[in-house]
């Protein structure tokens, strides 16, 4: 029976115990959260201006919104907003963003205080908690899913 030299055993143990080479990331740097949040700011600005192209452009084809208890597809939402332009205008103040960006996906949650001013009547203030899921396509952040829950319902 032949024995293995101790120096060979020791070198095999040392080779097996050495730390692995650090992984090298080949990813582009992540976009800052502000890049995603800016999409929402521009979207609400487009709504205020009744700009149908600006409302539709950041929506993916599969976009839908859970607006409180109603599900609305992207095309229907754009139509509803454009058709409602003659009834009044709205402003939005988005605050308290909690945004996460990961490669080609991002999500954010925030508060939205909207003021609806009808062409006739008094303004109405609406407070929402909202969350949005984004996908990055062709270098642009686009909205895929949106959820808005009103938090200041009358009579509560």
N, C-alpha and C. Protein backbone atom coordinates (compact mmCIF):
# COMPACT_ATOMS: atom_id res chain seq x y z
N UNK A 1 0.84 -1.17 0.00
CA UNK A 1 0.00 0.00 0.00
C UNK A 1 0.89 1.24 0.00
N UNK A 2 0.52 2.13 -0.82
CA UNK A 2 1.33 3.31 -1.02
C UNK A 2 0.73 4.48 -0.25
N UNK A 3 1.53 5.30 0.41
CA UNK A 3 1.05 6.46 1.17
C UNK A 3 1.24 7.73 0.35
N UNK A 4 0.36 8.67 0.59
CA UNK A 4 0.45 9.96 -0.09
C UNK A 4 1.33 10.86 0.75
N UNK A 5 2.28 11.52 0.11
CA UNK A 5 3.18 12.40 0.88
C UNK A 5 2.39 13.52 1.58
N UNK A 6 2.84 13.83 2.78
CA UNK A 6 2.16 14.87 3.58
C UNK A 6 2.13 16.21 2.89
N UNK A 7 3.17 16.59 2.20
CA UNK A 7 3.19 17.88 1.51
C UNK A 7 2.11 17.96 0.45
N UNK A 8 1.79 16.82 -0.21
CA UNK A 8 0.73 16.81 -1.22
C UNK A 8 -0.64 16.96 -0.57
N UNK A 9 -0.84 16.29 0.55
CA UNK A 9 -2.11 16.42 1.28
C UNK A 9 -2.28 17.85 1.76
N UNK A 10 -1.23 18.43 2.32
CA UNK A 10 -1.29 19.80 2.84
C UNK A 10 -1.59 20.80 1.72
N UNK A 11 -0.97 20.63 0.56
CA UNK A 11 -1.21 21.56 -0.54
C UNK A 11 -2.63 21.41 -1.08
N UNK A 12 -3.17 20.19 -1.11
CA UNK A 12 -4.55 20.00 -1.56
C UNK A 12 -5.53 20.65 -0.59
N UNK A 13 -5.27 20.56 0.70
CA UNK A 13 -6.12 21.19 1.69
C UNK A 13 -6.06 22.70 1.55
N UNK A 14 -4.88 23.25 1.37
CA UNK A 14 -4.73 24.70 1.24
C UNK A 14 -5.42 25.22 -0.01
N UNK A 15 -5.30 24.50 -1.11
CA UNK A 15 -5.96 24.93 -2.34
C UNK A 15 -7.47 24.89 -2.17
N UNK A 16 -7.99 23.90 -1.50
CA UNK A 16 -9.43 23.78 -1.28
C UNK A 16 -9.97 24.81 -0.32
N UNK A 17 -9.12 25.37 0.54
CA UNK A 17 -9.58 26.32 1.56
C UNK A 17 -9.39 27.78 1.18
N UNK A 18 -8.73 28.04 0.09
CA UNK A 18 -8.47 29.45 -0.23
C UNK A 18 -9.77 30.14 -0.64
N UNK A 19 -9.91 31.41 -0.35
CA UNK A 19 -11.16 32.11 -0.68
C UNK A 19 -11.34 32.21 -2.19
N UNK A 20 -12.59 32.17 -2.60
CA UNK A 20 -12.91 32.30 -4.01
C UNK A 20 -12.65 33.72 -4.47
N UNK A 21 -12.38 33.86 -5.73
CA UNK A 21 -12.16 35.19 -6.29
C UNK A 21 -13.47 35.98 -6.18
N UNK A 22 -13.39 37.26 -5.86
CA UNK A 22 -14.61 38.06 -5.75
C UNK A 22 -15.36 38.10 -7.08
N UNK A 23 -16.68 38.08 -6.96
CA UNK A 23 -17.52 38.15 -8.17
C UNK A 23 -17.44 39.55 -8.75
N UNK A 24 -17.38 39.63 -10.03
CA UNK A 24 -17.33 40.91 -10.72
C UNK A 24 -18.71 41.17 -11.33
N UNK A 25 -19.32 42.25 -10.93
CA UNK A 25 -20.64 42.58 -11.45
C UNK A 25 -20.51 43.19 -12.84
N UNK A 26 -21.32 42.73 -13.75
CA UNK A 26 -21.34 43.27 -15.10
C UNK A 26 -22.61 44.07 -15.35
N UNK A 27 -23.20 44.61 -14.29
CA UNK A 27 -24.45 45.34 -14.40
C UNK A 27 -24.17 46.83 -14.50
N UNK A 28 -25.02 47.49 -15.25
CA UNK A 28 -24.95 48.94 -15.30
C UNK A 28 -25.43 49.47 -13.96
N UNK A 29 -24.99 50.65 -13.57
CA UNK A 29 -25.46 51.21 -12.30
C UNK A 29 -26.98 51.37 -12.33
N UNK A 30 -27.59 51.21 -11.18
CA UNK A 30 -29.04 51.35 -11.07
C UNK A 30 -29.44 52.82 -11.18
N UNK A 31 -30.60 53.05 -11.76
CA UNK A 31 -31.14 54.40 -11.81
C UNK A 31 -31.48 54.84 -10.39
N UNK A 32 -31.37 56.13 -10.10
CA UNK A 32 -31.78 56.61 -8.79
C UNK A 32 -33.30 56.56 -8.66
N UNK A 33 -33.82 56.46 -7.44
CA UNK A 33 -35.28 56.47 -7.26
C UNK A 33 -35.95 57.67 -7.92
N UNK A 34 -35.27 58.80 -7.95
CA UNK A 34 -35.87 60.01 -8.54
C UNK A 34 -36.22 59.83 -10.01
N UNK A 35 -35.53 58.93 -10.72
CA UNK A 35 -35.85 58.69 -12.14
C UNK A 35 -37.24 58.07 -12.29
N UNK A 36 -37.59 57.19 -11.36
CA UNK A 36 -38.91 56.55 -11.37
C UNK A 36 -39.97 57.54 -10.89
N UNK A 37 -39.68 58.25 -9.83
CA UNK A 37 -40.63 59.21 -9.27
C UNK A 37 -40.96 60.33 -10.26
N UNK A 38 -40.00 60.69 -11.10
CA UNK A 38 -40.22 61.74 -12.11
C UNK A 38 -41.28 61.32 -13.13
N UNK A 39 -41.37 60.02 -13.41
CA UNK A 39 -42.40 59.52 -14.34
C UNK A 39 -43.78 59.86 -13.79
N UNK A 40 -43.97 59.64 -12.50
CA UNK A 40 -45.26 59.95 -11.88
C UNK A 40 -45.55 61.43 -11.88
N UNK A 41 -44.57 62.24 -11.60
CA UNK A 41 -44.75 63.69 -11.60
C UNK A 41 -45.17 64.17 -12.99
N UNK A 42 -44.48 63.69 -14.03
CA UNK A 42 -44.84 64.08 -15.40
C UNK A 42 -46.24 63.57 -15.77
N UNK A 43 -46.59 62.37 -15.29
CA UNK A 43 -47.90 61.79 -15.60
C UNK A 43 -49.02 62.65 -15.02
N UNK A 44 -48.85 63.05 -13.75
CA UNK A 44 -49.87 63.89 -13.12
C UNK A 44 -49.90 65.29 -13.74
N UNK A 45 -48.76 65.80 -14.16
CA UNK A 45 -48.73 67.08 -14.87
C UNK A 45 -49.52 66.98 -16.18
N UNK A 46 -49.37 65.84 -16.88
CA UNK A 46 -50.11 65.64 -18.13
C UNK A 46 -51.61 65.59 -17.87
N UNK A 47 -52.00 64.97 -16.76
CA UNK A 47 -53.43 64.93 -16.41
C UNK A 47 -53.95 66.35 -16.18
N UNK A 48 -53.17 67.16 -15.48
CA UNK A 48 -53.60 68.52 -15.18
C UNK A 48 -53.76 69.34 -16.46
N UNK A 49 -52.91 69.06 -17.46
CA UNK A 49 -52.97 69.78 -18.75
C UNK A 49 -53.95 69.14 -19.72
N UNK A 50 -54.58 68.02 -19.33
CA UNK A 50 -55.49 67.28 -20.22
C UNK A 50 -54.76 66.84 -21.49
N UNK A 51 -53.51 66.40 -21.32
CA UNK A 51 -52.64 65.97 -22.42
C UNK A 51 -52.76 64.46 -22.59
N UNK A 52 -53.58 64.02 -23.54
CA UNK A 52 -53.84 62.58 -23.70
C UNK A 52 -52.57 61.80 -24.04
N UNK A 53 -51.70 62.35 -24.87
CA UNK A 53 -50.45 61.66 -25.21
C UNK A 53 -49.55 61.53 -23.98
N UNK A 54 -49.48 62.57 -23.18
CA UNK A 54 -48.68 62.53 -21.96
C UNK A 54 -49.24 61.58 -20.92
N UNK A 55 -50.55 61.40 -20.92
CA UNK A 55 -51.19 60.46 -20.00
C UNK A 55 -50.92 59.03 -20.45
N UNK A 56 -51.00 58.77 -21.75
CA UNK A 56 -50.86 57.42 -22.28
C UNK A 56 -49.41 56.95 -22.39
N UNK A 57 -48.47 57.86 -22.65
CA UNK A 57 -47.10 57.45 -22.98
C UNK A 57 -46.36 56.65 -21.90
N UNK A 58 -46.56 56.87 -20.60
CA UNK A 58 -45.81 56.06 -19.64
C UNK A 58 -46.50 54.75 -19.25
N UNK A 59 -47.57 54.38 -19.95
CA UNK A 59 -48.32 53.17 -19.60
C UNK A 59 -47.92 52.01 -20.51
N UNK A 60 -47.56 50.88 -19.91
CA UNK A 60 -47.32 49.68 -20.70
C UNK A 60 -48.64 49.17 -21.26
N UNK A 61 -48.62 48.41 -22.34
CA UNK A 61 -49.88 47.89 -22.90
C UNK A 61 -50.69 47.08 -21.89
N UNK A 62 -50.03 46.39 -20.98
CA UNK A 62 -50.73 45.57 -19.98
C UNK A 62 -51.10 46.34 -18.71
N UNK A 63 -50.87 47.65 -18.70
CA UNK A 63 -51.17 48.48 -17.52
C UNK A 63 -52.63 48.36 -17.11
N UNK A 64 -52.82 48.35 -15.79
CA UNK A 64 -54.15 48.56 -15.23
C UNK A 64 -53.98 49.20 -13.86
N UNK A 65 -55.06 49.83 -13.40
CA UNK A 65 -55.06 50.48 -12.10
C UNK A 65 -56.20 49.90 -11.26
N UNK A 66 -55.89 49.65 -10.01
CA UNK A 66 -56.93 49.39 -9.01
C UNK A 66 -57.22 50.74 -8.40
N UNK A 67 -58.25 51.39 -8.85
CA UNK A 67 -58.65 52.69 -8.32
C UNK A 67 -59.71 52.42 -7.27
N UNK A 68 -59.25 52.32 -6.04
CA UNK A 68 -60.12 52.00 -4.92
C UNK A 68 -60.71 50.61 -5.12
N UNK A 69 -61.95 50.50 -5.54
CA UNK A 69 -62.57 49.18 -5.70
C UNK A 69 -62.82 48.83 -7.16
N UNK A 70 -62.28 49.60 -8.08
CA UNK A 70 -62.52 49.41 -9.50
C UNK A 70 -61.21 49.10 -10.23
N UNK A 71 -61.25 48.16 -11.17
CA UNK A 71 -60.11 47.88 -12.02
C UNK A 71 -60.34 48.57 -13.36
N UNK A 72 -59.35 49.38 -13.77
CA UNK A 72 -59.48 50.12 -15.03
C UNK A 72 -58.24 49.85 -15.88
N UNK A 73 -58.44 49.40 -17.11
CA UNK A 73 -57.33 49.18 -18.04
C UNK A 73 -56.79 50.52 -18.52
N UNK A 74 -55.57 50.51 -19.04
CA UNK A 74 -54.91 51.74 -19.44
C UNK A 74 -55.69 52.58 -20.44
N UNK A 75 -56.15 51.96 -21.53
CA UNK A 75 -56.88 52.71 -22.56
C UNK A 75 -58.16 53.32 -22.00
N UNK A 76 -58.85 52.58 -21.16
CA UNK A 76 -60.09 53.09 -20.55
C UNK A 76 -59.79 54.25 -19.61
N UNK A 77 -58.69 54.16 -18.88
CA UNK A 77 -58.31 55.24 -17.98
C UNK A 77 -58.00 56.51 -18.76
N UNK A 78 -57.23 56.39 -19.82
CA UNK A 78 -56.89 57.56 -20.63
C UNK A 78 -58.17 58.19 -21.18
N UNK A 79 -59.07 57.37 -21.71
CA UNK A 79 -60.35 57.89 -22.24
C UNK A 79 -61.15 58.60 -21.16
N UNK A 80 -61.23 57.99 -19.99
CA UNK A 80 -61.98 58.59 -18.88
C UNK A 80 -61.40 59.95 -18.49
N UNK A 81 -60.08 60.03 -18.43
CA UNK A 81 -59.45 61.30 -18.05
C UNK A 81 -59.63 62.37 -19.11
N UNK A 82 -59.49 61.98 -20.37
CA UNK A 82 -59.66 62.95 -21.46
C UNK A 82 -61.12 63.39 -21.56
N UNK A 83 -62.05 62.44 -21.46
CA UNK A 83 -63.48 62.78 -21.54
C UNK A 83 -63.91 63.68 -20.38
N UNK A 84 -63.25 63.56 -19.24
CA UNK A 84 -63.62 64.35 -18.08
C UNK A 84 -63.04 65.74 -18.05
N UNK A 85 -62.26 66.10 -19.06
CA UNK A 85 -61.59 67.40 -19.08
C UNK A 85 -62.57 68.56 -19.02
N UNK A 86 -63.71 68.42 -19.66
CA UNK A 86 -64.67 69.52 -19.66
C UNK A 86 -65.35 69.70 -18.31
N UNK A 87 -65.30 68.68 -17.47
CA UNK A 87 -65.98 68.74 -16.17
C UNK A 87 -65.18 69.49 -15.12
N UNK A 88 -63.87 69.64 -15.33
CA UNK A 88 -63.05 70.33 -14.34
C UNK A 88 -61.59 69.98 -14.48
N UNK A 89 -60.83 70.29 -13.45
CA UNK A 89 -59.39 70.02 -13.47
C UNK A 89 -58.95 69.48 -12.13
N UNK A 90 -57.78 68.85 -12.14
CA UNK A 90 -57.26 68.32 -10.89
C UNK A 90 -55.78 68.65 -10.76
N UNK A 91 -55.36 68.78 -9.53
CA UNK A 91 -53.94 68.91 -9.21
C UNK A 91 -53.59 67.75 -8.29
N UNK A 92 -52.32 67.42 -8.22
CA UNK A 92 -51.86 66.34 -7.36
C UNK A 92 -50.57 66.75 -6.67
N UNK A 93 -50.47 66.41 -5.40
CA UNK A 93 -49.25 66.63 -4.62
C UNK A 93 -48.79 65.26 -4.11
N UNK A 94 -47.68 64.77 -4.67
CA UNK A 94 -47.16 63.45 -4.33
C UNK A 94 -46.06 63.61 -3.28
N UNK A 95 -46.19 62.90 -2.15
CA UNK A 95 -45.21 63.03 -1.07
C UNK A 95 -44.89 61.68 -0.45
N UNK A 96 -43.78 61.64 0.28
CA UNK A 96 -43.43 60.46 1.07
C UNK A 96 -43.08 59.24 0.25
N UNK A 97 -42.41 59.43 -0.88
CA UNK A 97 -42.04 58.30 -1.73
C UNK A 97 -41.19 57.28 -0.97
N UNK A 98 -41.50 56.03 -1.20
CA UNK A 98 -40.68 54.89 -0.74
C UNK A 98 -40.43 54.06 -1.99
N UNK A 99 -39.29 54.29 -2.62
CA UNK A 99 -39.01 53.74 -3.93
C UNK A 99 -37.84 52.76 -3.89
N UNK A 100 -38.00 51.65 -4.61
CA UNK A 100 -36.95 50.65 -4.76
C UNK A 100 -36.73 50.45 -6.25
N UNK A 101 -35.45 50.48 -6.67
CA UNK A 101 -35.09 50.26 -8.07
C UNK A 101 -34.19 49.04 -8.13
N UNK A 102 -34.56 48.08 -9.00
CA UNK A 102 -33.75 46.87 -9.19
C UNK A 102 -33.70 46.55 -10.67
N UNK A 103 -32.54 46.73 -11.29
CA UNK A 103 -32.35 46.43 -12.71
C UNK A 103 -33.49 47.01 -13.55
N UNK A 104 -34.36 46.15 -14.09
CA UNK A 104 -35.42 46.63 -14.99
C UNK A 104 -36.79 46.66 -14.33
N UNK A 105 -36.83 46.61 -13.00
CA UNK A 105 -38.10 46.71 -12.26
C UNK A 105 -37.93 47.71 -11.13
N UNK A 106 -39.01 48.38 -10.82
CA UNK A 106 -39.01 49.33 -9.70
C UNK A 106 -40.42 49.41 -9.15
N UNK A 107 -40.51 49.83 -7.91
CA UNK A 107 -41.82 50.05 -7.31
C UNK A 107 -41.70 51.18 -6.31
N UNK A 108 -42.82 51.83 -6.10
CA UNK A 108 -42.85 52.94 -5.15
C UNK A 108 -44.22 53.00 -4.49
N UNK A 109 -44.25 53.53 -3.29
CA UNK A 109 -45.48 53.82 -2.56
C UNK A 109 -45.37 55.25 -2.07
N UNK A 110 -46.51 55.93 -2.00
CA UNK A 110 -46.48 57.35 -1.64
C UNK A 110 -47.88 57.81 -1.28
N UNK A 111 -47.98 59.04 -0.83
CA UNK A 111 -49.27 59.69 -0.58
C UNK A 111 -49.54 60.66 -1.72
N UNK A 112 -50.81 60.77 -2.04
CA UNK A 112 -51.23 61.67 -3.11
C UNK A 112 -52.42 62.48 -2.60
N UNK A 113 -52.25 63.78 -2.59
CA UNK A 113 -53.36 64.68 -2.25
C UNK A 113 -53.80 65.35 -3.54
N UNK A 114 -54.97 64.96 -4.00
CA UNK A 114 -55.53 65.53 -5.22
C UNK A 114 -56.61 66.54 -4.87
N UNK A 115 -56.67 67.58 -5.65
CA UNK A 115 -57.75 68.55 -5.52
C UNK A 115 -58.47 68.59 -6.85
N UNK A 116 -59.73 68.17 -6.83
CA UNK A 116 -60.59 68.20 -8.02
C UNK A 116 -61.40 69.48 -7.97
N UNK A 117 -61.27 70.29 -9.01
CA UNK A 117 -62.01 71.55 -9.09
C UNK A 117 -62.96 71.46 -10.27
N UNK A 118 -64.24 71.25 -9.99
CA UNK A 118 -65.22 71.15 -11.08
C UNK A 118 -65.42 72.52 -11.72
N UNK A 119 -65.87 72.52 -12.97
CA UNK A 119 -66.14 73.79 -13.65
C UNK A 119 -67.24 74.56 -12.93
N UNK A 120 -68.14 73.84 -12.28
CA UNK A 120 -69.18 74.47 -11.46
C UNK A 120 -69.20 73.77 -10.12
N UNK A 121 -69.08 74.50 -9.06
CA UNK A 121 -69.09 73.90 -7.74
C UNK A 121 -67.79 74.14 -7.00
N UNK A 122 -67.71 73.52 -5.84
CA UNK A 122 -66.55 73.73 -4.95
C UNK A 122 -65.50 72.65 -5.16
N UNK A 123 -64.24 72.98 -4.94
CA UNK A 123 -63.18 71.98 -5.04
C UNK A 123 -63.35 70.88 -3.99
N UNK A 124 -62.86 69.71 -4.31
CA UNK A 124 -62.91 68.55 -3.42
C UNK A 124 -61.50 68.01 -3.25
N UNK A 125 -61.07 67.83 -2.00
CA UNK A 125 -59.75 67.30 -1.72
C UNK A 125 -59.86 65.80 -1.47
N UNK A 126 -59.02 65.04 -2.18
CA UNK A 126 -59.02 63.59 -2.09
C UNK A 126 -57.62 63.13 -1.70
N UNK A 127 -57.53 62.35 -0.61
CA UNK A 127 -56.25 61.81 -0.18
C UNK A 127 -56.18 60.33 -0.50
N UNK A 128 -55.03 59.90 -1.05
CA UNK A 128 -54.83 58.51 -1.43
C UNK A 128 -53.50 57.98 -0.91
N UNK A 129 -53.47 56.68 -0.66
CA UNK A 129 -52.23 55.92 -0.53
C UNK A 129 -52.10 55.17 -1.84
N UNK A 130 -50.93 55.27 -2.47
CA UNK A 130 -50.78 54.69 -3.80
C UNK A 130 -49.48 53.90 -3.91
N UNK A 131 -49.51 52.89 -4.77
CA UNK A 131 -48.33 52.09 -5.08
C UNK A 131 -48.31 51.84 -6.58
N UNK A 132 -47.10 51.86 -7.15
CA UNK A 132 -46.94 51.66 -8.59
C UNK A 132 -45.78 50.70 -8.83
N UNK A 133 -45.98 49.81 -9.80
CA UNK A 133 -44.91 48.92 -10.26
C UNK A 133 -44.49 49.38 -11.65
N UNK A 134 -43.19 49.51 -11.85
CA UNK A 134 -42.62 49.97 -13.12
C UNK A 134 -41.77 48.87 -13.75
N UNK A 135 -41.68 48.91 -15.06
CA UNK A 135 -40.75 48.08 -15.83
C UNK A 135 -39.94 49.02 -16.72
N UNK A 136 -38.68 48.72 -16.87
CA UNK A 136 -37.84 49.54 -17.75
C UNK A 136 -37.80 48.86 -19.12
N UNK A 137 -38.26 49.58 -20.12
CA UNK A 137 -38.29 49.08 -21.50
C UNK A 137 -37.64 50.11 -22.40
N UNK A 138 -36.68 49.66 -23.18
CA UNK A 138 -35.96 50.55 -24.11
C UNK A 138 -35.44 51.80 -23.41
N UNK A 139 -34.93 51.61 -22.21
CA UNK A 139 -34.33 52.72 -21.46
C UNK A 139 -35.30 53.64 -20.75
N UNK A 140 -36.60 53.33 -20.80
CA UNK A 140 -37.60 54.20 -20.17
C UNK A 140 -38.36 53.44 -19.09
N UNK A 141 -38.64 54.12 -18.00
CA UNK A 141 -39.48 53.55 -16.95
C UNK A 141 -40.94 53.74 -17.33
N UNK A 142 -41.67 52.63 -17.36
CA UNK A 142 -43.09 52.64 -17.72
C UNK A 142 -43.90 51.98 -16.62
N UNK A 143 -45.13 52.42 -16.47
CA UNK A 143 -45.99 51.89 -15.42
C UNK A 143 -46.69 50.62 -15.88
N UNK A 144 -46.65 49.61 -15.01
CA UNK A 144 -47.31 48.34 -15.30
C UNK A 144 -48.56 48.13 -14.45
N UNK A 145 -48.46 48.43 -13.17
CA UNK A 145 -49.58 48.25 -12.24
C UNK A 145 -49.64 49.48 -11.33
N UNK A 146 -50.87 49.83 -10.97
CA UNK A 146 -51.08 50.99 -10.11
C UNK A 146 -52.19 50.64 -9.13
N UNK A 147 -52.00 51.03 -7.89
CA UNK A 147 -53.05 50.80 -6.89
C UNK A 147 -53.23 52.08 -6.09
N UNK A 148 -54.47 52.54 -6.01
CA UNK A 148 -54.78 53.77 -5.27
C UNK A 148 -55.95 53.49 -4.32
N UNK A 149 -55.75 53.82 -3.06
CA UNK A 149 -56.80 53.65 -2.05
C UNK A 149 -57.08 55.00 -1.42
N UNK A 150 -58.32 55.42 -1.49
CA UNK A 150 -58.70 56.70 -0.89
C UNK A 150 -58.72 56.55 0.62
N UNK A 151 -58.17 57.54 1.33
CA UNK A 151 -58.10 57.43 2.80
C UNK A 151 -58.93 58.47 3.53
N UNK A 152 -59.55 59.40 2.84
CA UNK A 152 -60.39 60.40 3.54
C UNK A 152 -61.80 60.37 2.97
N UNK A 153 -62.45 59.26 3.12
CA UNK A 153 -63.81 59.12 2.59
C UNK A 153 -64.79 59.98 3.42
N UNK A 154 -65.74 60.57 2.74
CA UNK A 154 -66.76 61.34 3.47
C UNK A 154 -67.53 60.40 4.44
N UNK A 155 -67.85 60.93 5.61
CA UNK A 155 -68.65 60.16 6.57
C UNK A 155 -67.87 59.15 7.37
N UNK A 156 -66.54 59.19 7.29
CA UNK A 156 -65.73 58.25 8.09
C UNK A 156 -64.93 58.96 9.13
